[in-house]
Amino acid sequence: MLGAIVINEDRCKGCSECVVACPVGAIELTGLKINASGYSYAQPSAKADCCTGCTACAVVCPDGCITVYRKKVTVDESEDEGKEAKA
């Protein structure tokens, strides 16, 4: 089971609770970018493809800015990914 993270960047206040809670490092703070409210906000990191769909980030977000969708990986998809990695 893999996950997909959706972050409402306009509501995020950059508290970094989600960054700390994520066991695989799938979320990061933007750093220099700010939202309409003037906050540096969370965004999916380069490791976002490693998201397990555990929802730890969404649970700890005090502003409810994060939604995690779980997606099933079929046997065919995982075989295709393995072939691509070997190529």
N, C-alpha and C. Protein backbone atom coordinates (compact mmCIF):
# COMPACT_ATOMS: atom_id res chain seq x y z
N MET A 1 0.85 -1.18 0.00
CA MET A 1 0.00 0.00 0.00
C MET A 1 0.89 1.23 0.00
N LEU A 2 0.64 2.12 -0.92
CA LEU A 2 1.38 3.37 -0.99
C LEU A 2 0.44 4.52 -0.70
N GLY A 3 0.99 5.68 -0.45
CA GLY A 3 0.18 6.85 -0.16
C GLY A 3 0.48 8.01 -1.08
N ALA A 4 -0.46 8.92 -1.15
CA ALA A 4 -0.28 10.17 -1.89
C ALA A 4 -0.69 11.30 -0.96
N ILE A 5 0.19 12.28 -0.81
CA ILE A 5 -0.03 13.38 0.13
C ILE A 5 -0.56 14.60 -0.62
N VAL A 6 -1.62 15.19 -0.09
CA VAL A 6 -2.14 16.46 -0.63
C VAL A 6 -2.13 17.46 0.50
N ILE A 7 -1.46 18.59 0.28
CA ILE A 7 -1.33 19.61 1.32
C ILE A 7 -2.00 20.90 0.86
N ASN A 8 -2.87 21.44 1.70
CA ASN A 8 -3.49 22.73 1.42
C ASN A 8 -2.47 23.80 1.83
N GLU A 9 -1.69 24.24 0.87
CA GLU A 9 -0.57 25.15 1.14
C GLU A 9 -1.02 26.50 1.68
N ASP A 10 -2.20 26.95 1.32
CA ASP A 10 -2.68 28.26 1.79
C ASP A 10 -3.03 28.24 3.28
N ARG A 11 -3.44 27.09 3.81
CA ARG A 11 -3.81 26.99 5.23
C ARG A 11 -2.63 26.64 6.11
N CYS A 12 -1.56 26.10 5.54
CA CYS A 12 -0.41 25.62 6.32
C CYS A 12 0.34 26.79 6.96
N LYS A 13 0.72 26.62 8.23
CA LYS A 13 1.47 27.65 8.96
C LYS A 13 2.92 27.27 9.17
N GLY A 14 3.36 26.17 8.57
CA GLY A 14 4.77 25.79 8.64
C GLY A 14 5.26 25.37 10.00
N CYS A 15 4.42 24.72 10.79
CA CYS A 15 4.81 24.32 12.15
C CYS A 15 5.80 23.15 12.14
N SER A 16 5.88 22.42 11.07
CA SER A 16 6.78 21.29 10.83
C SER A 16 6.44 20.03 11.65
N GLU A 17 5.27 19.99 12.27
CA GLU A 17 4.85 18.78 12.99
C GLU A 17 4.76 17.59 12.04
N CYS A 18 4.29 17.82 10.83
CA CYS A 18 4.16 16.74 9.85
C CYS A 18 5.52 16.22 9.40
N VAL A 19 6.48 17.13 9.28
CA VAL A 19 7.83 16.75 8.86
C VAL A 19 8.44 15.81 9.90
N VAL A 20 8.25 16.14 11.16
CA VAL A 20 8.78 15.33 12.25
C VAL A 20 8.04 13.99 12.33
N ALA A 21 6.74 13.99 12.09
CA ALA A 21 5.93 12.79 12.24
C ALA A 21 6.13 11.77 11.12
N CYS A 22 6.53 12.21 9.95
CA CYS A 22 6.64 11.30 8.80
C CYS A 22 7.82 10.34 8.97
N PRO A 23 7.54 9.04 9.01
CA PRO A 23 8.62 8.07 9.22
C PRO A 23 9.54 7.87 8.02
N VAL A 24 9.12 8.34 6.83
CA VAL A 24 9.95 8.13 5.63
C VAL A 24 10.48 9.43 5.02
N GLY A 25 10.19 10.56 5.66
CA GLY A 25 10.69 11.84 5.14
C GLY A 25 10.02 12.30 3.87
N ALA A 26 8.73 12.02 3.73
CA ALA A 26 8.01 12.36 2.50
C ALA A 26 7.53 13.81 2.46
N ILE A 27 7.72 14.57 3.56
CA ILE A 27 7.27 15.97 3.62
C ILE A 27 8.44 16.84 4.06
N GLU A 28 8.48 18.05 3.50
CA GLU A 28 9.50 19.02 3.88
C GLU A 28 8.89 20.42 3.89
N LEU A 29 9.56 21.36 4.53
CA LEU A 29 9.13 22.76 4.49
C LEU A 29 9.76 23.43 3.28
N THR A 30 9.07 24.40 2.72
CA THR A 30 9.53 25.03 1.49
C THR A 30 10.78 25.89 1.68
N GLY A 31 11.00 26.38 2.86
CA GLY A 31 12.17 27.22 3.07
C GLY A 31 11.89 28.66 2.70
N LEU A 32 12.27 29.08 1.53
CA LEU A 32 12.14 30.48 1.14
C LEU A 32 10.78 30.84 0.56
N LYS A 33 10.02 29.85 0.09
CA LYS A 33 8.69 30.14 -0.45
C LYS A 33 7.71 30.37 0.69
N ILE A 34 6.78 31.30 0.49
CA ILE A 34 5.75 31.56 1.50
C ILE A 34 4.37 31.54 0.86
N ASN A 35 3.36 31.27 1.67
CA ASN A 35 1.99 31.27 1.16
C ASN A 35 1.37 32.66 1.33
N ALA A 36 0.09 32.77 1.02
CA ALA A 36 -0.60 34.07 1.06
C ALA A 36 -0.63 34.67 2.47
N SER A 37 -0.53 33.84 3.49
CA SER A 37 -0.54 34.31 4.88
C SER A 37 0.86 34.67 5.38
N GLY A 38 1.88 34.44 4.56
CA GLY A 38 3.24 34.78 4.94
C GLY A 38 4.03 33.69 5.64
N TYR A 39 3.52 32.46 5.59
CA TYR A 39 4.19 31.34 6.24
C TYR A 39 4.93 30.48 5.23
N SER A 40 6.06 29.95 5.64
CA SER A 40 6.73 28.89 4.89
C SER A 40 5.85 27.66 5.09
N TYR A 41 5.55 26.94 4.05
CA TYR A 41 4.57 25.85 4.16
C TYR A 41 5.18 24.49 3.83
N ALA A 42 4.46 23.44 4.21
CA ALA A 42 4.89 22.07 3.95
C ALA A 42 4.57 21.69 2.51
N GLN A 43 5.40 20.80 1.97
CA GLN A 43 5.17 20.30 0.62
C GLN A 43 5.74 18.88 0.54
N PRO A 44 5.26 18.08 -0.42
CA PRO A 44 5.85 16.75 -0.59
C PRO A 44 7.33 16.89 -0.95
N SER A 45 8.16 16.04 -0.36
CA SER A 45 9.60 16.10 -0.61
C SER A 45 9.96 15.22 -1.81
N ALA A 46 11.25 15.14 -2.10
CA ALA A 46 11.73 14.28 -3.17
C ALA A 46 11.45 12.82 -2.85
N LYS A 47 11.23 12.51 -1.58
CA LYS A 47 10.94 11.14 -1.16
C LYS A 47 9.43 10.86 -1.08
N ALA A 48 8.61 11.72 -1.65
CA ALA A 48 7.16 11.56 -1.56
C ALA A 48 6.68 10.24 -2.14
N ASP A 49 7.40 9.68 -3.09
CA ASP A 49 7.03 8.38 -3.66
C ASP A 49 7.18 7.26 -2.64
N CYS A 50 7.91 7.51 -1.56
CA CYS A 50 8.10 6.50 -0.51
C CYS A 50 6.97 6.51 0.51
N CYS A 51 6.02 7.41 0.38
CA CYS A 51 4.92 7.52 1.34
C CYS A 51 4.21 6.17 1.48
N THR A 52 4.01 5.75 2.72
CA THR A 52 3.36 4.48 3.01
C THR A 52 1.86 4.62 3.24
N GLY A 53 1.38 5.86 3.33
CA GLY A 53 -0.04 6.08 3.58
C GLY A 53 -0.41 5.91 5.03
N CYS A 54 0.55 6.05 5.95
CA CYS A 54 0.30 5.82 7.38
C CYS A 54 -0.57 6.91 8.01
N THR A 55 -0.67 8.06 7.41
CA THR A 55 -1.46 9.23 7.85
C THR A 55 -0.93 9.92 9.09
N ALA A 56 0.28 9.60 9.53
CA ALA A 56 0.84 10.26 10.73
C ALA A 56 0.89 11.77 10.53
N CYS A 57 1.23 12.23 9.34
CA CYS A 57 1.32 13.66 9.06
C CYS A 57 -0.03 14.35 9.21
N ALA A 58 -1.07 13.71 8.68
CA ALA A 58 -2.41 14.29 8.75
C ALA A 58 -2.94 14.31 10.18
N VAL A 59 -2.61 13.30 10.96
CA VAL A 59 -3.08 13.21 12.34
C VAL A 59 -2.49 14.32 13.19
N VAL A 60 -1.20 14.64 13.01
CA VAL A 60 -0.56 15.64 13.86
C VAL A 60 -0.75 17.07 13.37
N CYS A 61 -1.24 17.27 12.16
CA CYS A 61 -1.39 18.63 11.63
C CYS A 61 -2.46 19.39 12.41
N PRO A 62 -2.07 20.46 13.11
CA PRO A 62 -3.03 21.19 13.94
C PRO A 62 -4.06 21.98 13.13
N ASP A 63 -3.78 22.23 11.86
CA ASP A 63 -4.69 23.01 11.04
C ASP A 63 -5.46 22.17 10.02
N GLY A 64 -5.27 20.85 10.05
CA GLY A 64 -6.00 19.97 9.14
C GLY A 64 -5.70 20.23 7.67
N CYS A 65 -4.47 20.52 7.38
CA CYS A 65 -4.07 20.89 6.01
C CYS A 65 -3.71 19.70 5.13
N ILE A 66 -3.57 18.53 5.72
CA ILE A 66 -3.03 17.38 4.98
C ILE A 66 -4.07 16.29 4.83
N THR A 67 -4.19 15.81 3.60
CA THR A 67 -5.01 14.65 3.29
C THR A 67 -4.10 13.60 2.70
N VAL A 68 -4.24 12.37 3.16
CA VAL A 68 -3.44 11.27 2.62
C VAL A 68 -4.37 10.28 1.95
N TYR A 69 -4.09 9.99 0.71
CA TYR A 69 -4.84 9.00 -0.04
C TYR A 69 -4.01 7.74 -0.12
N ARG A 70 -4.66 6.61 0.07
CA ARG A 70 -3.96 5.33 -0.05
C ARG A 70 -4.25 4.75 -1.41
N LYS A 71 -3.21 4.23 -2.05
CA LYS A 71 -3.39 3.60 -3.35
C LYS A 71 -2.79 2.21 -3.32
N LYS A 72 -3.53 1.28 -3.86
CA LYS A 72 -3.07 -0.10 -3.89
C LYS A 72 -2.11 -0.28 -5.05
N VAL A 73 -1.10 -1.08 -4.83
CA VAL A 73 -0.18 -1.44 -5.89
C VAL A 73 -0.49 -2.87 -6.27
N THR A 74 -0.83 -3.07 -7.54
CA THR A 74 -1.12 -4.42 -7.99
C THR A 74 0.17 -5.16 -8.30
N VAL A 75 0.07 -6.44 -8.44
CA VAL A 75 1.25 -7.26 -8.73
C VAL A 75 1.86 -6.84 -10.06
N ASP A 76 1.03 -6.54 -11.05
CA ASP A 76 1.53 -6.12 -12.37
C ASP A 76 2.34 -4.83 -12.26
N GLU A 77 1.85 -3.86 -11.48
CA GLU A 77 2.55 -2.59 -11.33
C GLU A 77 3.89 -2.77 -10.65
N SER A 78 3.94 -3.58 -9.60
CA SER A 78 5.20 -3.78 -8.89
C SER A 78 6.20 -4.54 -9.75
N GLU A 79 5.73 -5.46 -10.59
CA GLU A 79 6.62 -6.16 -11.50
C GLU A 79 7.19 -5.21 -12.55
N ASP A 80 6.31 -4.31 -13.06
CA ASP A 80 6.76 -3.32 -14.05
C ASP A 80 7.81 -2.39 -13.45
N GLU A 81 7.61 -1.98 -12.20
CA GLU A 81 8.57 -1.10 -11.54
C GLU A 81 9.91 -1.80 -11.37
N GLY A 82 9.88 -3.08 -11.03
CA GLY A 82 11.10 -3.85 -10.87
C GLY A 82 11.85 -3.99 -12.18
N LYS A 83 11.12 -4.16 -13.28
CA LYS A 83 11.76 -4.28 -14.58
C LYS A 83 12.42 -2.97 -14.98
N GLU A 84 11.73 -1.85 -14.68
CA GLU A 84 12.29 -0.53 -15.01
C GLU A 84 13.55 -0.26 -14.20
N ALA A 85 13.55 -0.68 -12.95
CA ALA A 85 14.72 -0.45 -12.08
C ALA A 85 15.92 -1.25 -12.56
N LYS A 86 15.68 -2.43 -13.12
CA LYS A 86 16.76 -3.27 -13.60
C LYS A 86 17.32 -2.77 -14.92
N ALA A 87 16.48 -2.09 -15.70
CA ALA A 87 16.89 -1.63 -17.03
C ALA A 87 17.86 -0.49 -16.98
